[in-house]
Amino acid sequence: MATREEWIAELSQKIRQPAHVYSDEPILFTANRMKNYLPEKCREMRALAFQGGRRSLTSAEIFLKQGKFMEDFEDDCPYDGEFVRYFPTYESMSDRQLRGYFTWRTRLRHGTLEKTSLSFAYVYIYELLNGIGAVDAADGYRKLRSFREEYRALDPQIDRYLDVWMRDYVICNELDPALLEDVADLWFDRALSVLRSWRDADDDALFEAVCALSTYQITRSRYFRGQEEKTKTVLCETIRRLSEYCEKNRKYTLTDSFFGRMFSTPYTMFYSAIVSPQPQRDRTYVVSELCSFTCKDNKWTCTRVWGKHGKNADLGAVVRAVDALLRESDGFAHPLKTDAIPKYLQKIILDAISQAQAAQRQRAAREVRIDLSKLQGIRDAAEVTREKLIVEEETEQEPEPEAEKTPERAENDFGLDAVETEVLRSLLQHRDAGETLRESGRMLSVVVDAINEKCFDRFGDTVLVFDGETPELLEDYEEELKEMLL
């Protein structure tokens, strides 16, 4: 064992030796150490969550603060694992996931879009909704729309909330309402607005609205392909009659029953998204005739039809019933099976069909049909008759013909002569007018045309329908004609 003197001597010798000199050496990271390395910028971002006390900020406020801090950050450390959170934020990511997200975002901003964890995609959407990574609100909307259009091809789940959030983004930032065309239910609002205004809508607009809102697509029906105008007329008349029936006999209108009523309710912008609310001025933003949003003291209310938006099965049942009864009425070769139709609805549809059929008969009666193939025969017969008259005039001096007798005028308001009056009376009394016609030497078709022409000024319509055999008196005018002629 060394003595005290020996130990002091040895220590003095070591102190006199020169000190070790340190120099710069490269820090070498293995691939595994590199993956676990967190850049200084990311560490500073995480520290922002604790500034001023962690509990003093909401998760949305922390996200906005961190997102603005990392707005231009880029990374190159891919992450192959899964990141799944209901409300994903930077704070809910591990260090590896955080670097993986910024690496995916870097590639996206440089034009390479790759499918990733859905939660990563939502974080990117949250950034844009908060104005992170956008020059202004319009630029933010363009990037949101572009991302939706491209990423939905990789993962359709992205559409679950994005359309609603994009609509809220347009409203909160007071962007052009035209931007809402592809993210709001404007097609639904337009169609429902026409259906609600059924009294003022023409057949074309009403038919288009019904087809847009009905689950049963009547334009694909076999019957419709051969009877388009008739189907459209009957369907529109059915909707009008049914709407009127509901207003008179039901608590709610037809559209209220099928699609819901219109009222105002409190509304939360960007519901279920991580968005830090910004101060808003008081205003009303009109989306459509049936939808508007009002802000008062930074609180929003929405006024719209609250119910199921989209094609309606109840309306579809009405349209299907119209198709079925039209086929049955016409004896169509392919009948349509349908559930039992309520009696009130069946009566409404059958009345609409009867009205359409009556109008169709009246239009047919007004049509003048000329068989051009017979014109040459008429000309040839007239030429033969003319030649005979010329020959007879040259060979025989005929006595002066008696003055043509003017048909006796009857006492009526239409200017009908005696023959026309007698024919019309015969039809009113269900008698045969054949003797009257034979004695007069006039053709039945000529007499019918004369009656229709002279009665048109009073009734604004034809009173007789003639198919070439027996004239038919229209029921609408029968009683009035009886009072005047019998």
Protein backbone atom coordinates (compact mmCIF):
# COMPACT_ATOMS: atom_id res chain seq x y z
CA MET A 1 0.00 0.00 0.00
CA ALA A 2 1.42 3.38 -1.08
CA THR A 3 2.33 5.88 1.56
CA ARG A 4 0.83 9.34 1.70
CA GLU A 5 4.01 10.84 0.26
CA GLU A 6 4.01 8.41 -2.69
CA TRP A 7 0.35 9.21 -3.50
CA ILE A 8 1.03 12.99 -3.50
CA ALA A 9 4.00 12.54 -5.78
CA GLU A 10 1.97 10.48 -8.27
CA LEU A 11 -0.85 13.07 -8.32
CA SER A 12 1.64 15.91 -8.94
CA GLN A 13 3.06 14.01 -11.90
CA LYS A 14 -0.41 13.69 -13.49
CA ILE A 15 -1.19 17.39 -13.04
CA ARG A 16 2.00 18.33 -14.87
CA GLN A 17 0.90 16.30 -17.96
CA PRO A 18 -0.69 18.38 -20.83
CA ALA A 19 -4.58 18.53 -20.93
CA HIS A 20 -6.55 16.58 -23.56
CA VAL A 21 -7.47 18.76 -26.59
CA TYR A 22 -11.06 18.38 -27.96
CA SER A 23 -11.94 19.16 -31.63
CA ASP A 24 -15.14 19.22 -33.82
CA GLU A 25 -16.28 15.81 -34.88
CA PRO A 26 -19.27 14.98 -37.18
CA ILE A 27 -22.35 13.64 -35.44
CA LEU A 28 -23.21 10.43 -37.21
CA PHE A 29 -26.89 9.29 -37.13
CA THR A 30 -27.89 5.82 -38.03
CA ALA A 31 -31.10 5.35 -40.06
CA ASN A 32 -32.93 4.31 -36.90
CA ARG A 33 -31.69 7.37 -34.95
CA MET A 34 -32.68 9.62 -37.90
CA LYS A 35 -36.26 8.35 -37.78
CA ASN A 36 -36.53 9.16 -34.10
CA TYR A 37 -34.93 12.57 -34.50
CA LEU A 38 -37.30 15.55 -34.08
CA PRO A 39 -36.22 18.76 -35.84
CA GLU A 40 -35.83 21.85 -33.69
CA LYS A 41 -38.75 23.55 -35.49
CA CYS A 42 -41.07 20.72 -34.43
CA ARG A 43 -39.87 20.90 -30.81
CA GLU A 44 -40.56 24.61 -30.78
CA MET A 45 -44.03 23.97 -32.21
CA ARG A 46 -44.84 21.52 -29.43
CA ALA A 47 -43.72 24.04 -26.84
CA LEU A 48 -46.32 26.54 -28.14
CA ALA A 49 -49.07 24.43 -26.61
CA PHE A 50 -47.76 25.24 -23.14
CA GLN A 51 -47.28 28.97 -23.54
CA GLY A 52 -49.57 30.93 -21.24
CA GLY A 53 -50.75 27.75 -19.57
CA ARG A 54 -52.01 24.72 -21.51
CA ARG A 55 -55.54 24.94 -20.19
CA SER A 56 -55.98 28.55 -21.26
CA LEU A 57 -56.30 27.58 -24.96
CA THR A 58 -58.79 25.31 -26.70
CA SER A 59 -57.56 22.51 -28.95
CA ALA A 60 -58.69 24.54 -31.99
CA GLU A 61 -56.73 27.62 -30.78
CA ILE A 62 -53.61 25.50 -30.17
CA PHE A 63 -53.98 23.94 -33.63
CA LEU A 64 -54.26 27.37 -35.28
CA LYS A 65 -51.23 28.68 -33.37
CA GLN A 66 -49.08 25.66 -34.19
CA GLY A 67 -50.30 25.51 -37.78
CA LYS A 68 -49.36 29.11 -38.50
CA PHE A 69 -45.95 28.46 -36.95
CA MET A 70 -45.38 25.43 -39.20
CA GLU A 71 -47.06 26.94 -42.27
CA ASP A 72 -43.98 26.75 -44.51
CA PHE A 73 -42.20 23.82 -42.88
CA GLU A 74 -41.02 20.96 -45.10
CA ASP A 75 -39.68 17.54 -44.19
CA ASP A 76 -38.44 14.32 -45.78
CA CYS A 77 -39.11 11.48 -43.40
CA PRO A 78 -41.92 9.23 -44.72
CA TYR A 79 -44.17 7.39 -42.30
CA ASP A 80 -45.66 4.03 -43.31
CA GLY A 81 -47.79 3.45 -40.24
CA GLU A 82 -51.43 4.33 -39.55
CA PHE A 83 -52.67 7.47 -37.84
CA VAL A 84 -56.30 7.27 -36.73
CA ARG A 85 -58.03 9.88 -34.55
CA TYR A 86 -61.60 11.20 -34.44
CA PHE A 87 -60.39 14.81 -34.11
CA PRO A 88 -56.80 14.69 -35.39
CA THR A 89 -54.35 17.52 -34.52
CA TYR A 90 -50.59 17.95 -34.35
CA GLU A 91 -50.79 17.31 -30.62
CA SER A 92 -52.38 13.91 -31.15
CA MET A 93 -49.47 12.76 -33.34
CA SER A 94 -46.32 11.03 -32.14
CA ASP A 95 -42.99 12.49 -33.25
CA ARG A 96 -42.74 9.95 -36.09
CA GLN A 97 -46.33 10.62 -37.17
CA LEU A 98 -45.73 14.36 -37.04
CA ARG A 99 -42.73 14.13 -39.35
CA GLY A 100 -44.62 11.71 -41.57
CA TYR A 101 -47.49 14.19 -41.91
CA PHE A 102 -45.24 17.10 -42.87
CA THR A 103 -43.43 14.86 -45.36
CA TRP A 104 -46.76 13.90 -46.99
CA ARG A 105 -47.83 17.58 -47.04
CA THR A 106 -44.50 18.61 -48.59
CA ARG A 107 -44.99 16.17 -51.46
CA LEU A 108 -48.60 17.27 -51.90
CA ARG A 109 -47.58 20.92 -52.19
CA HIS A 110 -44.95 19.95 -54.77
CA GLY A 111 -47.55 18.19 -56.92
CA THR A 112 -47.37 14.57 -55.73
CA LEU A 113 -50.64 13.43 -54.14
CA GLU A 114 -50.47 10.11 -52.33
CA LYS A 115 -53.10 8.20 -50.40
CA THR A 116 -52.43 8.40 -46.68
CA SER A 117 -54.21 7.90 -43.38
CA LEU A 118 -57.61 9.59 -43.53
CA SER A 119 -56.75 11.49 -40.33
CA PHE A 120 -53.70 13.05 -42.07
CA ALA A 121 -56.00 14.17 -44.89
CA TYR A 122 -58.37 15.77 -42.39
CA VAL A 123 -55.50 17.65 -40.71
CA TYR A 124 -54.62 19.15 -44.10
CA ILE A 125 -58.27 20.16 -44.58
CA TYR A 126 -58.35 21.71 -41.10
CA GLU A 127 -55.29 23.76 -42.04
CA LEU A 128 -57.00 25.21 -45.09
CA LEU A 129 -60.25 25.87 -43.18
CA ASN A 130 -58.16 27.87 -40.68
CA GLY A 131 -56.40 29.79 -43.47
CA ILE A 132 -53.12 27.90 -43.00
CA GLY A 133 -51.25 27.49 -46.28
CA ALA A 134 -53.48 29.85 -48.27
CA VAL A 135 -52.81 33.38 -49.50
CA ASP A 136 -56.42 34.45 -48.86
CA ALA A 137 -59.90 32.98 -48.49
CA ALA A 138 -60.40 32.58 -52.25
CA ASP A 139 -57.08 30.74 -52.55
CA GLY A 140 -58.07 28.54 -49.62
CA TYR A 141 -61.32 27.57 -51.32
CA ARG A 142 -59.55 26.74 -54.58
CA LYS A 143 -57.14 24.46 -52.71
CA LEU A 144 -59.96 22.81 -50.78
CA ARG A 145 -61.87 22.14 -53.98
CA SER A 146 -58.80 20.87 -55.81
CA PHE A 147 -57.92 18.53 -52.95
CA ARG A 148 -61.47 17.21 -52.75
CA GLU A 149 -61.66 16.51 -56.50
CA GLU A 150 -58.31 14.70 -56.59
CA TYR A 151 -58.28 12.86 -53.26
CA ARG A 152 -61.85 11.53 -53.47
CA ALA A 153 -60.58 9.26 -56.28
CA LEU A 154 -58.14 7.74 -53.76
CA ASP A 155 -60.52 7.65 -50.79
CA PRO A 156 -64.26 8.53 -51.26
CA GLN A 157 -64.63 8.84 -47.46
CA ILE A 158 -63.24 12.35 -47.76
CA ASP A 159 -66.69 13.54 -48.94
CA ARG A 160 -68.40 12.69 -45.66
CA TYR A 161 -68.07 16.17 -44.15
CA LEU A 162 -66.09 18.21 -46.66
CA ASP A 163 -69.00 19.58 -48.70
CA VAL A 164 -70.66 21.01 -45.57
CA TRP A 165 -67.38 22.50 -44.34
CA MET A 166 -66.70 24.07 -47.74
CA ARG A 167 -70.18 25.63 -47.71
CA ASP A 168 -69.51 27.04 -44.23
CA TYR A 169 -66.12 28.32 -45.44
CA VAL A 170 -67.76 30.24 -48.30
CA ILE A 171 -70.36 31.74 -45.95
CA CYS A 172 -67.97 32.73 -43.14
CA ASN A 173 -65.56 34.31 -45.61
CA GLU A 174 -68.38 35.99 -47.60
CA LEU A 175 -67.25 34.50 -50.89
CA ASP A 176 -69.30 34.48 -54.10
CA PRO A 177 -72.49 32.33 -53.71
CA ALA A 178 -71.75 30.87 -57.15
CA LEU A 179 -69.02 28.81 -55.47
CA LEU A 180 -71.73 26.86 -53.65
CA GLU A 181 -73.01 25.24 -56.84
CA ASP A 182 -71.08 22.02 -56.31
CA VAL A 183 -71.04 21.82 -52.50
CA ALA A 184 -74.56 22.80 -51.39
CA ASP A 185 -77.88 21.09 -52.16
CA LEU A 186 -78.84 23.85 -54.60
CA TRP A 187 -80.40 21.40 -57.08
CA PHE A 188 -82.66 20.20 -54.28
CA ASP A 189 -83.58 23.72 -53.18
CA ARG A 190 -84.41 24.77 -56.74
CA ALA A 191 -86.58 21.72 -57.43
CA LEU A 192 -88.38 21.99 -54.08
CA SER A 193 -88.95 25.71 -54.62
CA VAL A 194 -90.79 24.93 -57.88
CA LEU A 195 -92.84 22.20 -56.20
CA ARG A 196 -93.79 24.55 -53.36
CA SER A 197 -94.92 27.14 -55.96
CA TRP A 198 -97.01 24.65 -57.94
CA ARG A 199 -99.72 27.23 -58.73
CA ASP A 200 -97.30 29.41 -60.69
CA ALA A 201 -95.18 26.70 -62.31
CA ASP A 202 -95.80 25.62 -65.91
CA ASP A 203 -95.89 21.94 -66.86
CA ASP A 204 -92.28 21.82 -68.05
CA ALA A 205 -90.85 23.28 -64.83
CA LEU A 206 -93.15 21.26 -62.56
CA PHE A 207 -92.45 17.99 -64.38
CA GLU A 208 -88.70 18.57 -64.20
CA ALA A 209 -88.92 19.34 -60.46
CA VAL A 210 -90.97 16.21 -59.74
CA CYS A 211 -88.54 14.01 -61.69
CA ALA A 212 -85.60 15.52 -59.77
CA LEU A 213 -87.21 14.82 -56.38
CA SER A 214 -88.90 11.45 -57.04
CA THR A 215 -87.28 8.10 -56.39
CA TYR A 216 -89.42 6.63 -59.20
CA GLN A 217 -88.02 7.78 -62.53
CA ILE A 218 -91.01 7.92 -64.84
CA THR A 219 -88.88 9.03 -67.80
CA ARG A 220 -87.50 5.47 -67.90
CA SER A 221 -91.01 3.97 -68.10
CA ARG A 222 -92.05 1.99 -71.19
CA TYR A 223 -95.33 3.87 -71.27
CA PHE A 224 -93.65 7.28 -71.07
CA ARG A 225 -91.51 6.62 -74.14
CA GLY A 226 -94.65 6.49 -76.30
CA GLN A 227 -96.84 9.00 -74.42
CA GLU A 228 -94.51 11.73 -73.20
CA GLU A 229 -96.86 14.71 -73.46
CA LYS A 230 -99.85 12.86 -72.03
CA THR A 231 -97.80 11.53 -69.11
CA LYS A 232 -96.40 14.98 -68.36
CA THR A 233 -99.86 16.57 -68.48
CA VAL A 234 -101.47 13.97 -66.21
CA LEU A 235 -98.59 13.95 -63.71
CA CYS A 236 -98.52 17.73 -63.39
CA GLU A 237 -102.30 17.93 -63.02
CA THR A 238 -102.13 15.19 -60.37
CA ILE A 239 -99.52 17.13 -58.39
CA ARG A 240 -101.62 20.30 -58.55
CA ARG A 241 -104.81 18.52 -57.47
CA LEU A 242 -102.99 16.62 -54.72
CA SER A 243 -101.35 19.82 -53.42
CA GLU A 244 -104.72 21.53 -53.32
CA TYR A 245 -106.25 18.52 -51.56
CA CYS A 246 -103.54 18.59 -48.86
CA GLU A 247 -104.00 22.32 -48.25
CA LYS A 248 -107.75 21.85 -47.77
CA ASN A 249 -107.84 18.56 -45.87
CA ARG A 250 -104.49 18.07 -44.17
CA LYS A 251 -102.53 19.83 -41.43
CA TYR A 252 -99.46 20.18 -43.63
CA THR A 253 -98.93 20.96 -47.30
CA LEU A 254 -97.78 18.29 -49.73
CA THR A 255 -94.15 19.49 -49.64
CA ASP A 256 -94.18 19.87 -45.85
CA SER A 257 -95.39 16.28 -45.51
CA PHE A 258 -92.85 14.84 -47.94
CA PHE A 259 -89.77 17.00 -47.29
CA GLY A 260 -90.22 18.80 -43.98
CA ARG A 261 -91.13 22.29 -42.86
CA MET A 262 -89.09 25.48 -43.13
CA PHE A 263 -87.91 27.11 -39.89
CA SER A 264 -84.86 28.70 -38.21
CA THR A 265 -82.53 26.99 -35.76
CA PRO A 266 -79.12 27.74 -34.14
CA TYR A 267 -76.24 26.59 -36.31
CA THR A 268 -72.61 25.71 -35.56
CA MET A 269 -70.19 26.53 -38.34
CA PHE A 270 -67.65 23.79 -39.18
CA TYR A 271 -69.34 21.31 -36.86
CA SER A 272 -66.98 18.43 -35.90
CA ALA A 273 -63.98 20.15 -37.55
CA ILE A 274 -60.96 21.61 -35.70
CA VAL A 275 -61.48 25.25 -36.64
CA SER A 276 -60.77 28.23 -34.41
CA PRO A 277 -63.77 30.61 -34.76
CA GLN A 278 -63.03 34.13 -35.95
CA PRO A 279 -65.10 37.27 -35.20
CA GLN A 280 -67.93 37.76 -37.70
CA ARG A 281 -69.94 40.85 -38.55
CA ASP A 282 -73.73 40.79 -38.30
CA ARG A 283 -75.29 39.82 -41.65
CA THR A 284 -77.52 37.41 -43.57
CA TYR A 285 -76.05 35.24 -46.29
CA VAL A 286 -78.62 33.93 -48.79
CA VAL A 287 -77.75 30.55 -50.28
CA SER A 288 -81.05 29.97 -52.14
CA GLU A 289 -84.74 30.78 -51.93
CA LEU A 290 -85.09 28.06 -49.29
CA CYS A 291 -81.83 28.50 -47.38
CA SER A 292 -80.12 31.40 -45.62
CA PHE A 293 -77.68 31.92 -42.73
CA THR A 294 -77.84 34.86 -40.29
CA CYS A 295 -75.07 35.99 -37.94
CA LYS A 296 -75.91 38.06 -34.86
CA ASP A 297 -73.32 38.75 -32.15
CA ASN A 298 -71.07 35.99 -33.57
CA LYS A 299 -73.87 33.42 -33.28
CA TRP A 300 -75.30 31.80 -36.39
CA THR A 301 -78.83 30.66 -37.23
CA CYS A 302 -79.89 28.73 -40.31
CA THR A 303 -83.30 29.09 -41.98
CA ARG A 304 -84.18 26.26 -44.32
CA VAL A 305 -86.36 23.21 -44.91
CA TRP A 306 -85.34 20.78 -42.21
CA GLY A 307 -85.90 17.24 -43.35
CA LYS A 308 -84.43 14.66 -45.66
CA HIS A 309 -82.73 16.32 -48.61
CA GLY A 310 -82.74 14.23 -51.75
CA LYS A 311 -85.08 12.02 -53.73
CA ASN A 312 -88.29 11.20 -51.86
CA ALA A 313 -89.97 7.77 -51.74
CA ASP A 314 -93.43 9.17 -50.89
CA LEU A 315 -93.38 11.37 -53.99
CA GLY A 316 -92.03 8.39 -55.92
CA ALA A 317 -95.10 6.37 -54.90
CA VAL A 318 -97.39 9.06 -56.31
CA VAL A 319 -95.48 9.15 -59.61
CA ARG A 320 -95.57 5.36 -59.85
CA ALA A 321 -99.35 5.37 -59.24
CA VAL A 322 -99.79 7.84 -62.12
CA ASP A 323 -97.79 5.55 -64.41
CA ALA A 324 -99.83 2.49 -63.33
CA LEU A 325 -103.25 4.10 -63.82
CA LEU A 326 -102.27 5.60 -67.18
CA ARG A 327 -101.29 2.14 -68.39
CA GLU A 328 -104.53 0.68 -67.09
CA SER A 329 -106.63 3.45 -68.66
CA ASP A 330 -105.05 2.96 -72.08
CA GLY A 331 -105.02 -0.84 -71.90
CA PHE A 332 -101.23 -0.77 -72.20
CA ALA A 333 -99.65 -4.12 -73.01
CA HIS A 334 -97.34 -3.94 -70.00
CA PRO A 335 -99.34 -3.18 -66.83
CA LEU A 336 -97.46 -1.92 -63.80
CA LYS A 337 -97.84 -3.68 -60.49
CA THR A 338 -98.07 -1.32 -57.55
CA ASP A 339 -99.17 -1.25 -53.94
CA ALA A 340 -102.78 -0.40 -53.12
CA ILE A 341 -103.41 3.20 -54.15
CA PRO A 342 -105.43 5.23 -51.58
CA LYS A 343 -108.92 5.99 -52.86
CA TYR A 344 -108.51 9.77 -52.67
CA LEU A 345 -105.29 9.58 -54.68
CA GLN A 346 -106.83 7.18 -57.20
CA LYS A 347 -109.73 9.59 -57.78
CA ILE A 348 -107.35 12.52 -58.22
CA ILE A 349 -105.29 10.65 -60.81
CA LEU A 350 -108.31 9.32 -62.73
CA ASP A 351 -109.83 12.83 -62.85
CA ALA A 352 -106.54 14.13 -64.24
CA ILE A 353 -106.54 11.37 -66.87
CA SER A 354 -110.14 12.17 -67.88
CA GLN A 355 -109.30 15.84 -68.23
CA ALA A 356 -106.30 15.05 -70.42
CA GLN A 357 -108.36 12.72 -72.62
CA ALA A 358 -111.09 15.36 -73.12
CA ALA A 359 -108.49 17.94 -74.09
CA GLN A 360 -106.96 15.46 -76.51
CA ARG A 361 -110.33 14.87 -78.20
CA GLN A 362 -110.91 18.59 -78.58
CA ARG A 363 -107.50 19.09 -80.16
CA ALA A 364 -108.19 16.23 -82.56
CA ALA A 365 -111.52 17.81 -83.57
CA ARG A 366 -109.81 21.07 -84.53
CA GLU A 367 -107.27 19.39 -86.76
CA VAL A 368 -107.94 19.70 -90.53
CA ARG A 369 -106.65 16.66 -92.38
CA ILE A 370 -106.06 16.95 -96.13
CA ASP A 371 -105.32 13.79 -98.08
CA LEU A 372 -102.98 15.14 -100.74
CA SER A 373 -103.12 11.84 -102.62
CA LYS A 374 -106.75 12.55 -103.60
CA LEU A 375 -106.22 16.08 -104.93
CA GLN A 376 -105.28 14.95 -108.43
CA GLY A 377 -108.43 12.83 -108.70
CA ILE A 378 -110.55 15.82 -107.70
CA ARG A 379 -108.83 17.94 -110.33
CA ASP A 380 -109.40 15.29 -113.01
CA ALA A 381 -113.12 15.00 -112.15
CA ALA A 382 -113.50 18.78 -112.22
CA GLU A 383 -111.87 18.93 -115.65
CA VAL A 384 -114.29 16.32 -117.05
CA THR A 385 -117.27 18.19 -115.64
CA ARG A 386 -116.04 21.48 -117.11
CA GLU A 387 -115.69 19.94 -120.60
CA LYS A 388 -119.23 18.56 -120.47
CA LEU A 389 -120.65 21.93 -119.49
CA ILE A 390 -118.88 23.64 -122.35
CA VAL A 391 -120.20 21.10 -124.89
CA GLU A 392 -123.78 21.34 -123.60
CA GLU A 393 -123.67 25.13 -123.72
CA GLU A 394 -122.60 25.05 -127.34
CA THR A 395 -125.26 22.55 -128.54
CA GLU A 396 -128.28 23.51 -126.54
CA GLN A 397 -129.66 26.82 -125.35
CA GLU A 398 -130.76 26.27 -121.80
CA PRO A 399 -133.40 28.49 -120.20
CA GLU A 400 -132.26 31.04 -117.68
CA PRO A 401 -131.65 29.24 -114.37
CA GLU A 402 -133.69 30.31 -111.41
CA ALA A 403 -131.96 32.45 -108.84
CA GLU A 404 -130.24 30.33 -106.21
CA LYS A 405 -132.33 30.04 -103.15
CA THR A 406 -130.78 31.39 -100.03
CA PRO A 407 -130.94 28.85 -97.21
CA GLU A 408 -133.57 29.71 -94.71
CA ARG A 409 -132.09 31.30 -91.60
CA ALA A 410 -133.14 29.98 -88.25
CA GLU A 411 -133.82 32.13 -85.28
CA ASN A 412 -130.70 31.55 -83.16
CA ASP A 413 -127.62 33.41 -81.93
CA PHE A 414 -125.15 31.48 -84.08
CA GLY A 415 -126.37 32.27 -87.61
CA LEU A 416 -127.15 28.62 -88.32
CA ASP A 417 -129.39 27.96 -91.32
CA ALA A 418 -132.42 25.61 -91.17
CA VAL A 419 -130.46 22.47 -92.14
CA GLU A 420 -127.66 23.13 -89.64
CA THR A 421 -130.17 23.89 -86.89
CA GLU A 422 -132.15 20.72 -87.60
CA VAL A 423 -128.99 18.55 -87.57
CA LEU A 424 -127.88 20.05 -84.26
CA ARG A 425 -131.39 19.57 -82.78
CA SER A 426 -131.40 15.95 -83.96
CA LEU A 427 -128.13 15.32 -82.13
CA LEU A 428 -129.44 17.00 -78.97
CA GLN A 429 -132.57 14.81 -79.10
CA HIS A 430 -130.66 11.70 -80.18
CA ARG A 431 -132.60 11.52 -83.51
CA ASP A 432 -131.41 10.63 -87.00
CA ALA A 433 -130.82 13.66 -89.25
CA GLY A 434 -130.39 11.61 -92.40
CA GLU A 435 -133.72 12.69 -94.03
CA THR A 436 -132.92 16.38 -93.53
CA LEU A 437 -129.51 15.93 -95.16
CA ARG A 438 -130.92 13.97 -98.14
CA GLU A 439 -133.53 16.62 -98.84
CA SER A 440 -130.96 19.40 -98.65
CA GLY A 441 -128.40 17.57 -100.77
CA ARG A 442 -125.58 18.64 -98.45
CA MET A 443 -122.79 16.47 -97.06
CA LEU A 444 -122.75 15.74 -93.33
CA SER A 445 -119.08 16.71 -92.97
CA VAL A 446 -119.78 20.12 -94.54
CA VAL A 447 -122.72 20.74 -92.20
CA VAL A 448 -120.65 19.73 -89.13
CA ASP A 449 -117.83 22.08 -90.13
CA ALA A 450 -120.33 24.92 -90.58
CA ILE A 451 -121.87 24.29 -87.15
CA ASN A 452 -118.46 24.26 -85.45
CA GLU A 453 -117.37 27.41 -87.23
CA LYS A 454 -120.51 29.37 -86.35
CA CYS A 455 -120.54 28.19 -82.70
CA PHE A 456 -116.85 28.90 -82.17
CA ASP A 457 -117.33 32.62 -81.51
CA ARG A 458 -119.61 31.85 -78.57
CA PHE A 459 -117.92 28.83 -77.03
CA GLY A 460 -114.33 29.38 -78.12
CA ASP A 461 -114.26 25.71 -79.00
CA THR A 462 -115.77 23.11 -81.36
CA VAL A 463 -119.07 21.62 -80.18
CA LEU A 464 -119.09 18.57 -82.47
CA VAL A 465 -116.47 15.87 -82.93
CA PHE A 466 -116.73 14.08 -86.27
CA ASP A 467 -114.69 10.96 -87.09
CA GLY A 468 -116.20 10.47 -90.55
CA GLU A 469 -119.20 8.39 -89.47
CA THR A 470 -121.35 9.85 -86.69
CA PRO A 471 -120.98 13.33 -85.15
CA GLU A 472 -120.52 13.39 -81.36
CA LEU A 473 -121.72 16.32 -79.25
CA LEU A 474 -119.28 17.40 -76.53
CA GLU A 475 -120.90 17.08 -73.11
CA ASP A 476 -119.48 20.38 -71.87
CA TYR A 477 -121.80 22.36 -74.15
CA GLU A 478 -124.85 20.09 -74.38
CA GLU A 479 -127.01 21.73 -71.70
CA GLU A 480 -126.42 25.25 -72.96
CA LEU A 481 -127.30 24.25 -76.54
CA LYS A 482 -130.50 22.58 -75.37
CA GLU A 483 -131.60 25.75 -73.63
CA MET A 484 -131.02 27.77 -76.80
CA LEU A 485 -132.33 25.42 -79.51
CA LEU A 486 -134.97 23.20 -77.92
